[in-house]
Protein backbone atom coordinates (compact mmCIF):
# COMPACT_ATOMS: atom_id res chain seq x y z
CA MET A 1 14.38 -43.38 51.20
CA ILE A 2 17.42 -44.06 49.02
CA GLN A 3 16.95 -46.39 46.10
CA ASP A 4 18.31 -47.24 42.68
CA PHE A 5 17.38 -44.96 39.81
CA ASN A 6 14.43 -45.91 37.60
CA ILE A 7 14.82 -44.69 34.01
CA SER A 8 11.16 -43.64 33.99
CA LYS A 9 12.21 -40.80 36.34
CA LEU A 10 14.84 -39.41 33.95
CA ASP A 11 12.93 -36.19 33.21
CA GLU A 12 12.39 -35.50 36.92
CA VAL A 13 16.09 -36.06 37.65
CA MET A 14 17.16 -33.86 34.74
CA LYS A 15 14.94 -31.03 35.96
CA ILE A 16 16.72 -31.18 39.32
CA TRP A 17 20.09 -31.30 37.51
CA LEU A 18 19.35 -28.18 35.47
CA ILE A 19 17.81 -26.02 38.19
CA THR A 20 20.44 -26.96 40.78
CA ASN A 21 23.36 -26.30 38.43
CA ILE A 22 22.04 -22.88 37.44
CA LYS A 23 21.50 -21.87 41.06
CA ALA A 24 24.72 -23.30 42.52
CA HIS A 25 26.94 -22.03 39.71
CA ASP A 26 25.81 -18.45 39.19
CA PHE A 27 29.38 -17.67 38.08
CA ILE A 28 28.85 -19.77 34.92
CA PRO A 29 26.50 -18.51 32.19
CA GLU A 30 23.10 -20.25 32.33
CA GLN A 31 23.38 -21.11 28.67
CA TYR A 32 26.25 -23.51 29.47
CA TRP A 33 23.86 -25.77 31.39
CA PHE A 34 21.18 -25.60 28.69
CA ASN A 35 23.80 -26.43 26.06
CA ASN A 36 24.90 -29.52 28.01
CA PHE A 37 21.42 -30.73 28.96
CA ALA A 38 20.95 -33.22 26.08
CA LEU A 39 24.44 -34.66 26.50
CA VAL A 40 23.97 -35.24 30.23
CA LYS A 41 20.51 -36.72 29.65
CA ASN A 42 22.04 -39.26 27.27
CA LEU A 43 24.99 -40.08 29.55
CA LEU A 44 23.17 -40.16 32.88
CA PRO A 45 21.62 -43.63 32.45
CA GLN A 46 25.13 -45.06 32.00
CA ALA A 47 26.13 -43.98 35.52
CA ASP A 48 25.28 -45.68 38.80
CA ILE A 49 22.52 -43.45 40.14
CA LEU A 50 21.04 -43.41 43.61
CA VAL A 51 17.96 -41.31 44.27
CA TYR A 52 16.49 -39.99 47.48
CA GLN A 53 12.77 -40.34 47.06
CA ASP A 54 9.88 -39.67 49.38
CA ASN A 55 6.17 -39.81 48.57
CA SER A 56 7.02 -40.74 44.96
CA SER A 57 8.93 -37.51 44.25
CA ILE A 58 12.69 -37.42 43.88
CA GLN A 59 14.32 -35.01 46.32
CA GLY A 60 17.90 -35.57 45.20
CA PHE A 61 20.29 -37.90 43.45
CA VAL A 62 23.95 -38.80 43.09
CA GLY A 63 25.70 -40.24 40.05
CA ILE A 64 28.83 -42.38 40.18
CA THR A 65 30.92 -43.08 37.08
CA ASN A 66 34.20 -44.90 36.48
CA ILE A 67 33.68 -47.05 39.58
CA SER A 68 34.32 -44.29 42.15
CA TYR A 69 33.89 -40.83 40.61
CA ILE A 70 30.99 -38.72 41.87
CA ALA A 71 29.90 -37.04 38.65
CA GLY A 72 27.32 -35.03 40.55
CA LEU A 73 25.25 -34.73 43.70
CA PHE A 74 22.06 -32.73 43.31
CA VAL A 75 19.32 -31.91 45.79
CA ALA A 76 16.11 -30.17 44.75
CA ASP A 77 16.01 -26.60 46.04
CA GLN A 78 13.14 -27.11 48.47
CA PHE A 79 14.93 -30.07 50.13
CA GLN A 80 18.39 -28.55 50.57
CA SER A 81 19.75 -28.37 54.13
CA ARG A 82 17.41 -31.19 55.20
CA GLY A 83 19.90 -34.07 55.18
CA VAL A 84 19.16 -35.38 51.68
CA GLY A 85 22.68 -34.74 50.35
CA SER A 86 24.26 -36.12 53.52
CA ALA A 87 22.17 -39.29 53.28
CA LEU A 88 23.21 -39.79 49.67
CA ILE A 89 26.91 -39.25 50.42
CA GLU A 90 26.81 -41.57 53.41
CA GLN A 91 25.17 -44.26 51.28
CA CYS A 92 27.95 -43.87 48.70
CA LYS A 93 30.53 -44.22 51.47
CA GLN A 94 28.90 -47.54 52.45
CA LEU A 95 29.11 -48.83 48.87
CA TYR A 96 32.60 -47.65 47.88
CA PHE A 97 36.04 -47.78 49.50
CA PHE A 98 37.25 -44.71 47.62
CA LEU A 99 35.40 -41.72 46.15
CA GLU A 100 36.61 -38.77 44.13
CA LEU A 101 34.99 -35.70 42.67
CA ASP A 102 35.62 -32.28 41.21
CA VAL A 103 33.93 -29.20 42.62
CA TYR A 104 34.16 -25.56 41.61
CA VAL A 105 36.20 -23.49 44.05
CA LYS A 106 33.54 -20.74 43.92
CA ASN A 107 30.86 -23.22 45.00
CA GLU A 108 31.85 -22.67 48.62
CA ILE A 109 28.75 -24.37 50.04
CA ALA A 110 29.58 -27.60 48.19
CA VAL A 111 33.26 -27.45 49.15
CA LYS A 112 32.30 -27.06 52.82
CA PHE A 113 29.76 -29.91 52.50
CA TYR A 114 32.32 -32.33 51.07
CA LYS A 115 34.94 -31.37 53.68
CA LYS A 116 32.35 -32.01 56.40
CA HIS A 117 31.92 -35.50 54.97
CA GLY A 118 35.63 -36.29 55.07
CA PHE A 119 36.71 -35.37 51.55
CA LYS A 120 40.19 -33.86 51.21
CA ILE A 121 41.40 -31.47 48.54
CA GLN A 122 44.04 -33.18 46.40
CA LYS A 123 44.71 -30.46 43.85
CA GLU A 124 43.38 -27.33 42.23
CA LYS A 125 42.93 -27.19 38.45
CA ILE A 126 41.11 -25.29 35.73
CA ASN A 127 37.96 -26.81 34.22
CA GLU A 128 38.59 -27.01 30.48
CA ASP A 129 34.98 -26.21 29.50
CA THR A 130 34.22 -23.32 31.84
CA LYS A 131 37.75 -22.04 32.58
CA GLU A 132 36.78 -21.91 36.27
CA LYS A 133 38.99 -23.22 39.10
CA GLU A 134 38.05 -26.59 40.58
CA TYR A 135 39.22 -28.71 43.45
CA SER A 136 39.76 -32.41 42.94
CA MET A 137 38.70 -34.01 46.23
CA VAL A 138 38.95 -37.58 47.52
CA TRP A 139 37.58 -39.69 50.35
CA ARG A 140 39.00 -43.01 51.48
CA LYS A 141 37.44 -45.52 53.86
């Protein structure tokens, strides 16, 4: 079930954030994610967060900032490829007329996922922090 984020679940969400980033971005040193953990934990409550929760455990979440920017979509490892990410994206598409995001070019699974959900590549750029190539992608209703 998709619901609004409850701040009491911040540690659970951050665990998913860390583990998923390390696994999905094996081309970025692990230490990068550990170094950014505290910053993200402080900023995350300022975003609009939707969580996919079942039996009181969070299976995934999506964060929207600046009205329409998907700052991240994360699904716990054991729930990937089970429709959790798709459900979260489809819920976002019901709530917003326009969505945008950045995704690493080397994260081919994510790029394919977003294309499947109607996102189009607008441009390619270099991420200032990691120096890795990213696609800026958009979806319009």
